[in-house]
Structure formats: C-alpha cells, structure tokens
Amino acid sequence: MIENSIAIKNASAVSSNSPVIRTETPALVKLIDLSRCTGCKACEVACKEWNNLPPDKTENFGSMQLHRSLTPTTWTMVYFNEAVIGGNVKYLMRKNGCMHCENPACLTACPSPYAIVQYENGIVDFNQDKCTGCQFCVSACPFNIPQFDAVSNRVYKCTLCIDRIDAGLPPSCAKACPTSAITFGEKHKILSNAKTEIKKLVKRGFKNAKLYSPKGVGGTHVMTILPYGNNTEDYELPKNPEVSPLTTFTKGPLAVFGGLFMGLTTLGSFAHLITAGQSKVSEALAAKEGKEEEIDRHNLATRIIHWTVAISAVLLTVSGLSLYSPKLFWLSNILGGPQSSRFLHPWIGVIFLISFGLLFIRWFKDMAIKPYDIDFIKNIYSYLIHDEKNIVKSDKFNGGQKLVFWCFSAGLALLFISGLFIWFPGFFGSFAARFGLFIHELTAIFFISAIIAHFYLSLIAIPGSLAGMITGKVRLSWARFHHALWLNNGK
C-alpha cells in the first residue's frame, strides 16, 4: 500500500496553511517511461472511467491522437508526433497531463483561497467549488494544462487520482498501463528506478536519454523518461519551463505596491481634509451673488450617463479588488459570490466603456486644455490650500479635472485592451494573458486611486459638486467661486 498524506502544504491566495499532522510525509511521483509506451491509450480510457468523464467528440486531423489537445473532460491523452532525429524519422509518443509541479505557477496565479491546493505528498489539486473561472491558472501554466469549461465556468485538470492515492491505490492510468510504462510510488524509489532505466537506454543506443523534471518549476511529481532527451520540443514539451516572472511580480511586488498606493491616496485625502478643510464659498461672495439663486450646470442626459459611469466604476472596483488581493476576496460577496463577481466583472466593464464613451462625446470640447488650464495645474497647490487670491480662474472644468479626464480616457483604453487579453486567454495566448493581467492591474491601481481622489473632492472637499450632478443646478456663488470663466462666458 502506498503511504500517503493529504495534509495541505500550500494553497492559493492564503498566507498560512493547515497544520501538517504527519511530520514525515513521503513525496509521491508518477514516472512515465516513453521507451515502454506503445500508444495504446489505456491510460486515457482508465482516466475517463475512474473520474466519470464524458467522451469528447473526435476528429480526423491526420494523427493517431483522439483530440488535438486536452479538454475540460479529457485530463490525459497520448500525443503522437513524427520527428526527424539523426537523419531518421522517428514516431514519438508521450502521455500528456498535469505535471504536478513542486512550484506550481497555477497556484501562484490563482486569486481564490484554496481553489488550488498542493498536498504534502506533492500533488496539486483543483477545488472547483472555489474556482471563480478567472483562468489566471490557464495563462500561468507553462505546460498549457488547465482547461476552462465555458458551461460550468470552471477550470479542470488531472488530479493524479488523489482519491485513489488517499486509499493507498495508484492512479488509474498507472494501474491500467499494460507495459508498465507508468509507475507510481515514493520519490526516492522512483528516482532510483528511473536512473536504472536511463542507464539501460544508454546501453541500447539512446545516448541522450534523460529524465524530464525541469528545475524552472522546482521539479515535477510527474516525471518522464525521454529516450531522445535532446529533442524535448519534438515531444511537445517546453525545454526550460518556469513560473513566469510576470506572474510572480503581479501577484507579489505589484500587489503590495498597489495596496500601499491606494492606501496612501485614501490617507492623503483625509490628511487634506484635516489640514486644509473644505473649499467653501466665502460668505461675502455668497451674500453678493445670492445664496438661493441657482443656474443650470448639467442636463438630465449628462447626469444619467455620469451616474452610470460612477456606479459601474464602483462595481468594477469592488469585483476587481476581490480578484486583486486575497485579503479583499470577501468583496466578491457584494456581487453574489466569487463566481458571479468574476463573471460580471468584464460585463460591467463593457457598460463602463460604453457609458464613458458617451460622456467623452459630450464633454470632449469642454475638456480641451487651454493655456489657463496649464497655469491652473502649475499652481495647483494654491487650489488645494484654498488660497483664493492665487487660484487661477477656470472654465466649466478646471485644469485638474481636465487632466484627470484625459488620464481616465487613456487608462480606460489600456484597461479595455488588457482586459480582452485576460478575458479570452485561449484566443490571444498565454503570454498575452499574463502581460495583459500585469498591465490591467497596474493601470487599475492608478485608476482606482484617481476614483478615490475624485470621490473625495466631489463628495467632501468641494461642497455643492454632488448637488450639481444630482439636480443639475448649482448656486450662482458656487459657479463664480469655482468656475468664474464659465460663468463670465455665459456658460
């Protein structure tokens, strides 16, 4: 019987794991000796039967393979490939499936706590109940193993038959293999056997035979003996796979930087309120203009579009932050849970894009930056400390608002393009998805910080701004104080 422990060694999106009950847990390894593989597909059938997986539609595409690649319901399959090696055509076969990396990129990339777990024995397993369908694991895996199912909105892969192993049994594929090409057991025993088999292959003339367990992912718990070890790519295996630096940076330093930056923006807003206070219309000006007299500032259509932008921005922030940091994962409950939050996030983004586009059309001319806007930006300190004598007069929107508007426009373009890469990783490719996620999160950090500052200014720092966007009207004294040029030019 195989000794085993399913105590959790590591898990996605958590900083601490369950206590390990057994102090000496043997690492388990599955060894695939391709010199013994006949391509009979018994492993494929056994995997389907044991895991109760339905059949996939097959096609004739000029290969002995049943499918072009793995699917959400095909977790292992035999690849067939013709290659020219040493001037001769060789027919190479390889059983493909999850490699169960010691340093799994999928686990690093996953934002959902315990959606991906790594047990003490080295097996990496997916918990579909906690999967959000974000597909970050799909784009992170250097072996292209995890498969997304659009119907269930979940990701699937080989579990190494963890249920059988927990009962002391080998994986179903190893049990079914008629040539003993697949063996399973404790790591030190399997490695010893692998070295012996490789020596035999070398004596038989396979001088480049080697064990494939790449160091870039910390080694794997599914190891493969390659008779033609120098022809890794001909077996459709990456030569030097590794956890992408984009993945580790996005989920590490960038997440820390983002939290600090957004936190400092929030603290800065409170600090400004305490030190400078609100920007209120002076009593003298209010008395001169008349406190109750109001003028039109925003029509109904503009207000509806603006509030659509504002509400969608808040919902995007909530759902986005839940995927951004494990500490904020609880925010997903606001939109009905992790799965619905992840599903709604891109669609809310579409609403945000359309509504902001309509707002852009309406405000495009008013947002043109003029020389006095540049002077306003240069003298922004006077505005922030409410130094009325040195504040540069503004049109309908001041220089700061215009600058934010154009930054928002550029940021939205980046969010949209990078969001497409993340939304459809299978179409754009893994690197595009990883790079898109990095750009998306980096842009979102500044975008959310700008939203925080905007909310602070409109809701707290500048009394009267919120009323103007709700009713469409502002007091004459408010307009004279904040947007004198607009008032003087007849609005």
Protein backbone atom coordinates (compact mmCIF):
# COMPACT_ATOMS: atom_id res chain seq x y z
CA MET A 1 0.00 0.00 0.00
CA ILE A 2 1.23 3.48 -0.84
CA GLU A 3 1.87 5.66 2.18
CA ASN A 4 0.17 8.98 1.78
CA SER A 5 -0.86 12.24 3.39
CA ILE A 6 -3.34 14.72 2.02
CA ALA A 7 -2.39 17.38 4.53
CA ILE A 8 -2.16 20.70 2.71
CA LYS A 9 1.33 22.01 2.13
CA ASN A 10 0.38 25.10 0.13
CA ALA A 11 -2.80 26.72 -1.15
CA SER A 12 -3.77 29.53 -3.49
CA ALA A 13 -4.39 33.02 -2.13
CA VAL A 14 -3.62 32.20 1.51
CA SER A 15 -0.69 33.16 3.71
CA SER A 16 -0.97 30.26 6.16
CA ASN A 17 -1.91 26.63 5.64
CA SER A 18 -3.46 23.81 7.62
CA PRO A 19 -1.18 22.23 10.24
CA VAL A 20 0.62 19.13 8.99
CA ILE A 21 -0.41 16.12 11.06
CA ARG A 22 2.29 13.77 9.79
CA THR A 23 5.81 15.06 10.21
CA GLU A 24 7.42 12.67 7.73
CA THR A 25 5.31 12.62 4.60
CA PRO A 26 6.91 10.90 1.60
CA ALA A 27 6.79 12.77 -1.70
CA LEU A 28 4.97 10.74 -4.34
CA VAL A 29 5.91 10.61 -8.01
CA LYS A 30 4.44 9.19 -11.19
CA LEU A 31 7.09 8.09 -13.71
CA ILE A 32 6.29 7.78 -17.41
CA ASP A 33 8.88 5.79 -19.38
CA LEU A 34 8.30 6.69 -23.03
CA SER A 35 10.59 3.89 -24.18
CA ARG A 36 7.90 1.49 -22.99
CA CYS A 37 4.85 3.42 -24.22
CA THR A 38 3.01 1.79 -27.16
CA GLY A 39 0.36 4.50 -27.53
CA CYS A 40 -2.43 2.04 -26.68
CA LYS A 41 -4.47 4.78 -24.92
CA ALA A 42 -5.38 2.51 -22.00
CA CYS A 43 -4.42 5.39 -19.70
CA GLU A 44 -6.92 7.66 -21.46
CA VAL A 45 -9.75 5.15 -21.05
CA ALA A 46 -8.89 4.46 -17.41
CA CYS A 47 -8.85 8.18 -16.61
CA LYS A 48 -12.25 8.65 -18.22
CA GLU A 49 -13.77 5.68 -16.42
CA TRP A 50 -12.42 6.39 -12.97
CA ASN A 51 -13.27 10.09 -13.00
CA ASN A 52 -16.62 9.54 -14.73
CA LEU A 53 -15.71 11.92 -17.53
CA PRO A 54 -17.94 12.04 -20.63
CA PRO A 55 -16.46 11.37 -24.07
CA ASP A 56 -15.32 14.23 -26.28
CA LYS A 57 -16.07 14.49 -29.96
CA THR A 58 -13.17 13.20 -32.02
CA GLU A 59 -11.98 14.26 -35.47
CA ASN A 60 -9.61 13.09 -38.15
CA PHE A 61 -6.82 15.63 -38.41
CA GLY A 62 -4.06 13.38 -39.71
CA SER A 63 -2.90 11.98 -36.38
CA MET A 64 -3.36 8.95 -34.16
CA GLN A 65 -4.39 11.34 -31.38
CA LEU A 66 -8.04 11.29 -30.37
CA HIS A 67 -8.01 15.05 -29.74
CA ARG A 68 -5.80 17.94 -30.68
CA SER A 69 -5.23 18.77 -27.01
CA LEU A 70 -6.57 18.31 -23.51
CA THR A 71 -10.12 19.43 -22.75
CA PRO A 72 -12.15 20.09 -19.57
CA THR A 73 -13.30 16.45 -19.77
CA THR A 74 -10.09 14.88 -21.12
CA TRP A 75 -7.42 15.15 -18.46
CA THR A 76 -4.80 12.93 -20.05
CA MET A 77 -4.06 11.86 -23.61
CA VAL A 78 -1.28 10.37 -25.70
CA TYR A 79 0.40 12.75 -28.12
CA PHE A 80 1.76 11.39 -31.40
CA ASN A 81 4.42 13.24 -33.35
CA GLU A 82 6.76 12.48 -36.24
CA ALA A 83 10.25 13.95 -35.90
CA VAL A 84 13.50 13.73 -37.81
CA ILE A 85 16.25 12.70 -35.39
CA GLY A 86 19.74 11.89 -36.59
CA GLY A 87 18.55 11.88 -40.17
CA ASN A 88 15.83 9.30 -39.48
CA VAL A 89 12.09 9.71 -38.99
CA LYS A 90 11.01 8.73 -35.50
CA TYR A 91 7.45 8.25 -34.27
CA LEU A 92 7.32 9.80 -30.82
CA MET A 93 4.54 9.25 -28.31
CA ARG A 94 4.02 10.97 -24.98
CA LYS A 95 1.35 10.79 -22.33
CA ASN A 96 0.29 14.36 -21.57
CA GLY A 97 -1.35 15.63 -18.40
CA CYS A 98 -0.70 17.77 -15.36
CA MET A 99 2.94 17.73 -14.27
CA HIS A 100 2.13 18.49 -10.61
CA CYS A 101 4.97 20.97 -10.25
CA GLU A 102 6.79 21.45 -6.97
CA ASN A 103 6.47 25.20 -7.55
CA PRO A 104 3.11 25.36 -9.37
CA ALA A 105 2.52 28.50 -11.42
CA CYS A 106 -1.23 27.86 -11.38
CA LEU A 107 -1.31 28.07 -7.58
CA THR A 108 0.75 31.27 -7.58
CA ALA A 109 -1.59 32.93 -10.07
CA CYS A 110 -4.91 31.86 -8.53
CA PRO A 111 -6.73 34.64 -6.60
CA SER A 112 -9.29 32.39 -4.90
CA PRO A 113 -8.38 30.98 -1.45
CA TYR A 114 -7.99 27.20 -1.53
CA ALA A 115 -9.21 26.89 -5.13
CA ILE A 116 -5.85 25.24 -5.82
CA VAL A 117 -4.07 23.21 -3.16
CA GLN A 118 -0.76 21.40 -3.01
CA TYR A 119 -0.63 18.47 -0.64
CA GLU A 120 2.35 17.39 1.40
CA ASN A 121 2.91 14.50 -0.99
CA GLY A 122 3.38 16.97 -3.87
CA ILE A 123 0.06 16.51 -5.68
CA VAL A 124 -1.57 19.70 -6.96
CA ASP A 125 -5.37 19.60 -6.97
CA PHE A 126 -8.16 21.94 -8.10
CA ASN A 127 -11.22 22.62 -5.97
CA GLN A 128 -13.90 23.55 -8.49
CA ASP A 129 -16.30 24.68 -5.75
CA LYS A 130 -13.96 27.60 -5.07
CA CYS A 131 -12.91 28.24 -8.67
CA THR A 132 -14.02 31.65 -9.97
CA GLY A 133 -13.35 30.85 -13.61
CA CYS A 134 -10.84 33.70 -13.90
CA GLN A 135 -8.49 31.47 -15.96
CA PHE A 136 -5.37 33.02 -14.41
CA CYS A 137 -4.10 29.47 -13.90
CA VAL A 138 -4.65 28.71 -17.58
CA SER A 139 -2.39 31.51 -18.73
CA ALA A 140 0.17 30.95 -15.95
CA CYS A 141 0.84 27.24 -16.58
CA PRO A 142 3.98 26.79 -18.73
CA PHE A 143 2.68 23.37 -19.88
CA ASN A 144 -0.77 24.59 -21.04
CA ILE A 145 -2.54 22.02 -18.89
CA PRO A 146 -5.57 23.61 -17.11
CA GLN A 147 -8.67 23.63 -19.31
CA PHE A 148 -11.53 26.11 -18.97
CA ASP A 149 -15.12 24.95 -19.35
CA ALA A 150 -17.34 27.81 -20.52
CA VAL A 151 -20.51 25.98 -19.47
CA SER A 152 -19.65 25.46 -15.81
CA ASN A 153 -17.28 28.49 -15.72
CA ARG A 154 -14.67 26.30 -14.01
CA VAL A 155 -11.17 25.02 -14.80
CA TYR A 156 -10.24 21.33 -14.77
CA LYS A 157 -7.12 19.15 -14.93
CA CYS A 158 -5.66 15.83 -13.79
CA THR A 159 -5.92 15.29 -10.03
CA LEU A 160 -3.45 12.36 -10.10
CA CYS A 161 -6.39 10.36 -8.75
CA ILE A 162 -5.99 11.85 -5.28
CA ASP A 163 -8.98 9.83 -4.08
CA ARG A 164 -7.30 6.56 -5.08
CA ILE A 165 -3.98 7.64 -3.59
CA ASP A 166 -5.69 8.56 -0.32
CA ALA A 167 -6.95 4.98 -0.23
CA GLY A 168 -3.45 3.62 -0.87
CA LEU A 169 -4.01 2.85 -4.55
CA PRO A 170 -2.01 4.03 -7.58
CA PRO A 171 -3.50 6.41 -10.17
CA SER A 172 -5.90 4.75 -12.59
CA CYS A 173 -3.58 5.34 -15.58
CA ALA A 174 -0.70 3.57 -13.83
CA LYS A 175 -2.98 0.69 -12.89
CA ALA A 176 -4.22 0.27 -16.47
CA CYS A 177 -0.91 0.57 -18.36
CA PRO A 178 -0.20 -2.88 -19.91
CA THR A 179 3.53 -2.30 -20.48
CA SER A 180 4.41 -0.78 -17.08
CA ALA A 181 5.33 2.45 -18.85
CA ILE A 182 3.64 4.26 -15.95
CA THR A 183 4.81 3.55 -12.42
CA PHE A 184 3.97 5.28 -9.17
CA GLY A 185 5.46 5.45 -5.72
CA GLU A 186 7.67 7.28 -3.26
CA LYS A 187 10.00 9.77 -4.89
CA HIS A 188 13.33 8.30 -3.79
CA LYS A 189 12.37 4.83 -5.05
CA ILE A 190 11.03 6.12 -8.36
CA LEU A 191 14.16 8.22 -8.95
CA SER A 192 16.34 5.20 -8.29
CA ASN A 193 14.34 3.14 -10.79
CA ALA A 194 14.47 5.98 -13.33
CA LYS A 195 18.27 6.15 -13.16
CA THR A 196 18.46 2.41 -13.75
CA GLU A 197 16.14 2.59 -16.77
CA ILE A 198 18.06 5.52 -18.27
CA LYS A 199 21.33 3.57 -17.98
CA LYS A 200 19.68 0.68 -19.83
CA LEU A 201 18.52 3.04 -22.57
CA VAL A 202 22.02 4.47 -22.98
CA LYS A 203 23.42 0.98 -23.38
CA ARG A 204 20.77 0.31 -26.05
CA GLY A 205 21.97 3.30 -28.05
CA PHE A 206 19.82 6.12 -26.73
CA LYS A 207 22.82 8.21 -25.72
CA ASN A 208 20.77 11.33 -24.91
CA ALA A 209 18.13 9.63 -22.79
CA LYS A 210 17.23 11.74 -19.77
CA LEU A 211 14.67 12.32 -17.04
CA TYR A 212 12.39 15.29 -17.66
CA SER A 213 11.66 17.10 -14.38
CA PRO A 214 12.50 20.76 -15.11
CA LYS A 215 14.12 22.84 -12.38
CA GLY A 216 12.34 26.02 -13.51
CA VAL A 217 9.18 24.82 -11.77
CA GLY A 218 11.06 23.26 -8.85
CA GLY A 219 10.88 19.80 -10.38
CA THR A 220 7.69 17.84 -11.05
CA HIS A 221 5.83 14.98 -9.42
CA VAL A 222 5.05 13.57 -12.85
CA MET A 223 8.43 12.73 -14.36
CA THR A 224 9.09 11.49 -17.87
CA ILE A 225 11.93 9.44 -19.28
CA LEU A 226 12.71 10.82 -22.75
CA PRO A 227 14.69 8.39 -24.95
CA TYR A 228 15.67 11.36 -27.13
CA GLY A 229 16.45 13.78 -24.35
CA ASN A 230 17.90 16.47 -26.61
CA ASN A 231 14.66 16.69 -28.58
CA THR A 232 12.37 17.97 -25.86
CA GLU A 233 10.30 20.11 -28.23
CA ASP A 234 9.63 17.11 -30.50
CA TYR A 235 7.80 15.57 -27.56
CA GLU A 236 5.78 18.83 -27.38
CA LEU A 237 7.37 19.71 -24.05
CA PRO A 238 8.86 23.13 -23.23
CA LYS A 239 12.64 22.94 -22.95
CA ASN A 240 13.05 25.23 -19.94
CA PRO A 241 9.62 25.88 -18.42
CA GLU A 242 9.38 28.20 -15.46
CA VAL A 243 6.93 30.24 -13.45
CA SER A 244 6.69 33.44 -15.47
CA PRO A 245 8.28 36.49 -13.79
CA LEU A 246 5.15 38.39 -14.83
CA THR A 247 3.06 36.03 -12.71
CA THR A 248 5.26 36.23 -9.63
CA PHE A 249 5.65 40.02 -9.94
CA THR A 250 1.95 40.65 -10.49
CA LYS A 251 0.93 38.54 -7.51
CA GLY A 252 3.83 39.72 -5.34
CA PRO A 253 5.50 43.15 -5.51
CA LEU A 254 2.80 44.72 -7.69
CA ALA A 255 0.05 43.68 -5.28
CA VAL A 256 1.99 45.19 -2.38
CA PHE A 257 2.69 48.40 -4.30
CA GLY A 258 -0.96 48.69 -5.30
CA GLY A 259 -2.19 48.29 -1.75
CA LEU A 260 0.24 50.92 -0.49
CA PHE A 261 -0.54 53.37 -3.31
CA MET A 262 -4.31 53.13 -2.93
CA GLY A 263 -3.97 53.28 0.85
CA LEU A 264 -1.80 56.38 0.67
CA THR A 265 -4.32 58.02 -1.65
CA THR A 266 -7.06 57.42 0.89
CA LEU A 267 -4.93 58.64 3.79
CA GLY A 268 -3.84 61.65 1.75
CA SER A 269 -7.46 62.59 1.18
CA PHE A 270 -8.19 62.51 4.91
CA ALA A 271 -4.98 64.41 5.63
CA HIS A 272 -6.03 67.13 3.20
CA LEU A 273 -9.45 67.39 4.82
CA ILE A 274 -7.89 67.77 8.27
CA THR A 275 -5.24 70.30 7.26
CA ALA A 276 -6.96 72.32 4.52
CA GLY A 277 -10.63 71.66 5.17
CA GLN A 278 -13.41 72.08 2.65
CA SER A 279 -13.33 74.54 -0.23
CA LYS A 280 -16.34 76.65 0.69
CA VAL A 281 -17.71 79.75 -0.96
CA SER A 282 -16.83 82.80 1.12
CA GLU A 283 -19.69 84.45 2.98
CA ALA A 284 -19.00 87.76 1.23
CA LEU A 285 -19.30 86.20 -2.23
CA ALA A 286 -22.38 84.23 -1.23
CA ALA A 287 -24.05 87.39 0.04
CA LYS A 288 -23.12 89.26 -3.12
CA GLU A 289 -24.43 86.64 -5.55
CA GLY A 290 -27.38 85.49 -3.51
CA LYS A 291 -27.32 82.17 -1.72
CA GLU A 292 -30.57 80.83 -3.15
CA GLU A 293 -30.09 81.75 -6.81
CA GLU A 294 -29.26 78.69 -8.93
CA ILE A 295 -28.16 78.12 -12.53
CA ASP A 296 -28.12 75.05 -14.79
CA ARG A 297 -24.85 73.10 -15.00
CA HIS A 298 -25.61 69.54 -16.17
CA ASN A 299 -28.67 68.42 -18.15
CA LEU A 300 -30.57 65.21 -17.41
CA ALA A 301 -28.91 63.07 -20.10
CA THR A 302 -25.43 64.02 -18.89
CA ARG A 303 -26.34 63.22 -15.30
CA ILE A 304 -27.75 59.80 -16.19
CA ILE A 305 -24.64 58.92 -18.18
CA HIS A 306 -22.35 60.22 -15.44
CA TRP A 307 -24.08 58.16 -12.73
CA THR A 308 -23.93 55.08 -14.94
CA VAL A 309 -20.19 55.65 -15.22
CA ALA A 310 -19.90 56.20 -11.46
CA ILE A 311 -21.93 53.15 -10.42
CA SER A 312 -20.19 50.84 -12.91
CA ALA A 313 -16.81 52.20 -11.73
CA VAL A 314 -17.66 51.31 -8.14
CA LEU A 315 -18.83 47.81 -9.10
CA LEU A 316 -15.70 47.30 -11.20
CA THR A 317 -13.56 48.39 -8.27
CA VAL A 318 -15.33 46.02 -5.88
CA SER A 319 -15.18 42.99 -8.18
CA GLY A 320 -11.67 43.83 -9.37
CA LEU A 321 -10.22 44.21 -5.89
CA SER A 322 -11.72 40.87 -4.86
CA LEU A 323 -9.56 39.22 -7.55
CA TYR A 324 -6.60 41.52 -6.91
CA SER A 325 -5.84 40.62 -3.31
CA PRO A 326 -6.77 37.60 -1.16
CA LYS A 327 -7.33 40.00 1.76
CA LEU A 328 -10.10 41.67 -0.24
CA PHE A 329 -11.61 38.46 -1.62
CA TRP A 330 -14.61 38.94 0.67
CA LEU A 331 -15.70 41.87 -1.51
CA SER A 332 -16.88 39.35 -4.11
CA ASN A 333 -19.85 38.57 -1.84
CA ILE A 334 -21.27 42.01 -2.65
CA LEU A 335 -21.95 40.79 -6.18
CA GLY A 336 -23.28 37.40 -5.14
CA GLY A 337 -20.10 35.42 -4.56
CA PRO A 338 -16.73 34.75 -6.23
CA GLN A 339 -18.10 33.06 -9.35
CA SER A 340 -20.75 35.67 -10.13
CA SER A 341 -18.35 38.51 -9.27
CA ARG A 342 -15.75 37.19 -11.73
CA PHE A 343 -18.41 36.57 -14.38
CA LEU A 344 -19.92 40.06 -14.00
CA HIS A 345 -16.63 41.96 -13.89
CA PRO A 346 -15.94 42.06 -17.66
CA TRP A 347 -19.59 42.74 -18.50
CA ILE A 348 -19.70 45.64 -16.07
CA GLY A 349 -16.54 46.80 -17.82
CA VAL A 350 -18.42 46.84 -21.11
CA ILE A 351 -21.14 49.03 -19.54
CA PHE A 352 -18.46 51.31 -18.12
CA LEU A 353 -16.75 51.56 -21.51
CA ILE A 354 -19.95 52.46 -23.37
CA SER A 355 -21.18 54.98 -20.79
CA PHE A 356 -17.78 56.67 -20.51
CA GLY A 357 -17.66 56.79 -24.31
CA LEU A 358 -20.97 58.68 -24.33
CA LEU A 359 -19.67 61.01 -21.64
CA PHE A 360 -16.48 61.52 -23.65
CA ILE A 361 -18.53 62.62 -26.67
CA ARG A 362 -20.50 65.10 -24.55
CA TRP A 363 -17.50 66.58 -22.76
CA PHE A 364 -14.85 66.36 -25.46
CA LYS A 365 -14.95 70.05 -26.39
CA ASP A 366 -15.28 71.26 -22.80
CA MET A 367 -12.23 69.19 -21.82
CA ALA A 368 -9.88 70.83 -24.33
CA ILE A 369 -6.86 72.03 -22.35
CA LYS A 370 -6.29 75.77 -22.67
CA PRO A 371 -3.32 77.93 -21.55
CA TYR A 372 -5.11 78.95 -18.35
CA ASP A 373 -5.64 75.25 -17.54
CA ILE A 374 -1.90 74.71 -17.70
CA ASP A 375 -1.45 77.68 -15.36
CA PHE A 376 -4.04 76.14 -13.04
CA ILE A 377 -2.15 72.83 -12.94
CA LYS A 378 1.15 74.61 -12.30
CA ASN A 379 -0.47 76.48 -9.45
CA ILE A 380 -2.46 73.50 -8.12
CA TYR A 381 -1.06 73.97 -4.61
CA SER A 382 -2.96 77.23 -4.22
CA TYR A 383 -6.16 75.40 -5.15
CA LEU A 384 -5.52 72.62 -2.66
CA ILE A 385 -4.91 75.00 0.26
CA HIS A 386 -7.80 77.27 -0.81
CA ASP A 387 -5.60 80.32 -1.44
CA GLU A 388 -8.31 82.34 -3.19
CA LYS A 389 -6.01 85.17 -4.26
CA ASN A 390 -3.69 82.90 -6.28
CA ILE A 391 -6.15 80.37 -7.69
CA VAL A 392 -6.26 80.54 -11.50
CA LYS A 393 -9.79 81.05 -12.80
CA SER A 394 -11.39 78.10 -14.56
CA ASP A 395 -13.87 77.39 -17.32
CA LYS A 396 -16.63 74.78 -16.97
CA PHE A 397 -13.97 72.30 -15.81
CA ASN A 398 -10.70 73.29 -14.20
CA GLY A 399 -7.28 72.16 -15.34
CA GLY A 400 -7.12 69.38 -12.76
CA GLN A 401 -10.47 67.94 -13.86
CA LYS A 402 -9.40 68.05 -17.48
CA LEU A 403 -6.12 66.32 -16.74
CA VAL A 404 -7.94 63.57 -14.82
CA PHE A 405 -10.44 63.21 -17.67
CA TRP A 406 -7.72 62.60 -20.25
CA CYS A 407 -5.85 60.26 -17.92
CA PHE A 408 -9.11 58.37 -17.37
CA SER A 409 -9.58 58.11 -21.14
CA ALA A 410 -6.08 56.73 -21.69
CA GLY A 411 -6.41 54.41 -18.69
CA LEU A 412 -9.74 53.09 -19.92
CA ALA A 413 -8.19 52.24 -23.29
CA LEU A 414 -5.44 50.26 -21.52
CA LEU A 415 -7.96 48.53 -19.27
CA PHE A 416 -10.11 47.57 -22.22
CA ILE A 417 -7.30 46.15 -24.37
CA SER A 418 -5.60 44.32 -21.50
CA GLY A 419 -8.99 43.11 -20.28
CA LEU A 420 -9.62 41.40 -23.61
CA PHE A 421 -6.32 39.53 -23.26
CA ILE A 422 -7.40 38.31 -19.82
CA TRP A 423 -10.99 37.55 -20.80
CA PHE A 424 -10.00 35.36 -23.75
CA PRO A 425 -6.62 33.78 -22.91
CA GLY A 426 -7.25 30.88 -25.27
CA PHE A 427 -7.58 33.25 -28.21
CA PHE A 428 -4.70 35.63 -27.52
CA GLY A 429 -2.28 33.14 -25.95
CA SER A 430 -0.74 32.66 -22.52
CA PHE A 431 1.93 35.35 -22.73
CA ALA A 432 -0.58 37.96 -23.89
CA ALA A 433 -2.87 37.00 -20.99
CA ARG A 434 -0.04 37.23 -18.44
CA PHE A 435 1.17 40.55 -19.84
CA GLY A 436 -2.41 41.78 -20.07
CA LEU A 437 -3.01 40.96 -16.41
CA PHE A 438 0.11 42.89 -15.42
CA ILE A 439 -0.94 45.97 -17.44
CA HIS A 440 -4.54 45.64 -16.25
CA GLU A 441 -3.63 45.58 -12.57
CA LEU A 442 -1.00 48.32 -12.88
CA THR A 443 -3.46 50.59 -14.69
CA ALA A 444 -6.24 49.71 -12.24
CA ILE A 445 -4.07 50.79 -9.30
CA PHE A 446 -3.83 54.34 -10.63
CA PHE A 447 -7.40 54.26 -11.92
CA ILE A 448 -8.85 53.30 -8.54
CA SER A 449 -6.62 55.82 -6.77
CA ALA A 450 -7.95 58.52 -9.11
CA ILE A 451 -11.52 57.40 -8.36
CA ILE A 452 -10.83 57.65 -4.62
CA ALA A 453 -9.49 61.18 -5.06
CA HIS A 454 -12.40 62.14 -7.32
CA PHE A 455 -14.97 60.85 -4.84
CA TYR A 456 -13.26 62.71 -2.02
CA LEU A 457 -13.21 66.01 -3.91
CA SER A 458 -16.78 65.79 -5.19
CA LEU A 459 -18.42 64.35 -2.08
CA ILE A 460 -16.46 66.04 0.72
CA ALA A 461 -13.82 68.58 -0.23
CA ILE A 462 -15.95 70.73 -2.54
CA PRO A 463 -19.49 71.17 -1.15
CA GLY A 464 -22.01 71.73 -3.92
CA SER A 465 -20.40 69.46 -6.53
CA LEU A 466 -22.56 66.47 -5.67
CA ALA A 467 -25.74 68.54 -5.70
CA GLY A 468 -24.86 69.82 -9.15
CA MET A 469 -24.62 66.27 -10.51
CA ILE A 470 -27.86 65.19 -8.77
CA THR A 471 -30.14 68.13 -9.56
CA GLY A 472 -28.21 69.60 -12.47
CA LYS A 473 -28.15 73.01 -10.78
CA VAL A 474 -25.54 74.89 -8.77
CA ARG A 475 -25.68 78.14 -6.85
CA LEU A 476 -24.51 81.24 -8.63
CA SER A 477 -21.98 81.96 -5.90
CA TRP A 478 -20.56 78.41 -6.27
CA ALA A 479 -20.14 78.88 -10.01
CA ARG A 480 -18.49 82.28 -9.52
CA PHE A 481 -16.09 80.83 -6.94
CA HIS A 482 -15.06 77.61 -8.76
CA HIS A 483 -15.68 78.31 -12.45
CA ALA A 484 -15.64 82.06 -12.99
CA LEU A 485 -14.65 81.89 -16.67
CA TRP A 486 -17.52 79.55 -17.44
CA LEU A 487 -19.94 81.93 -15.76
CA ASN A 488 -18.45 85.01 -17.42
CA ASN A 489 -18.61 83.37 -20.85
CA GLY A 490 -22.33 82.84 -20.48
CA LYS A 491 -21.99 79.15 -19.56
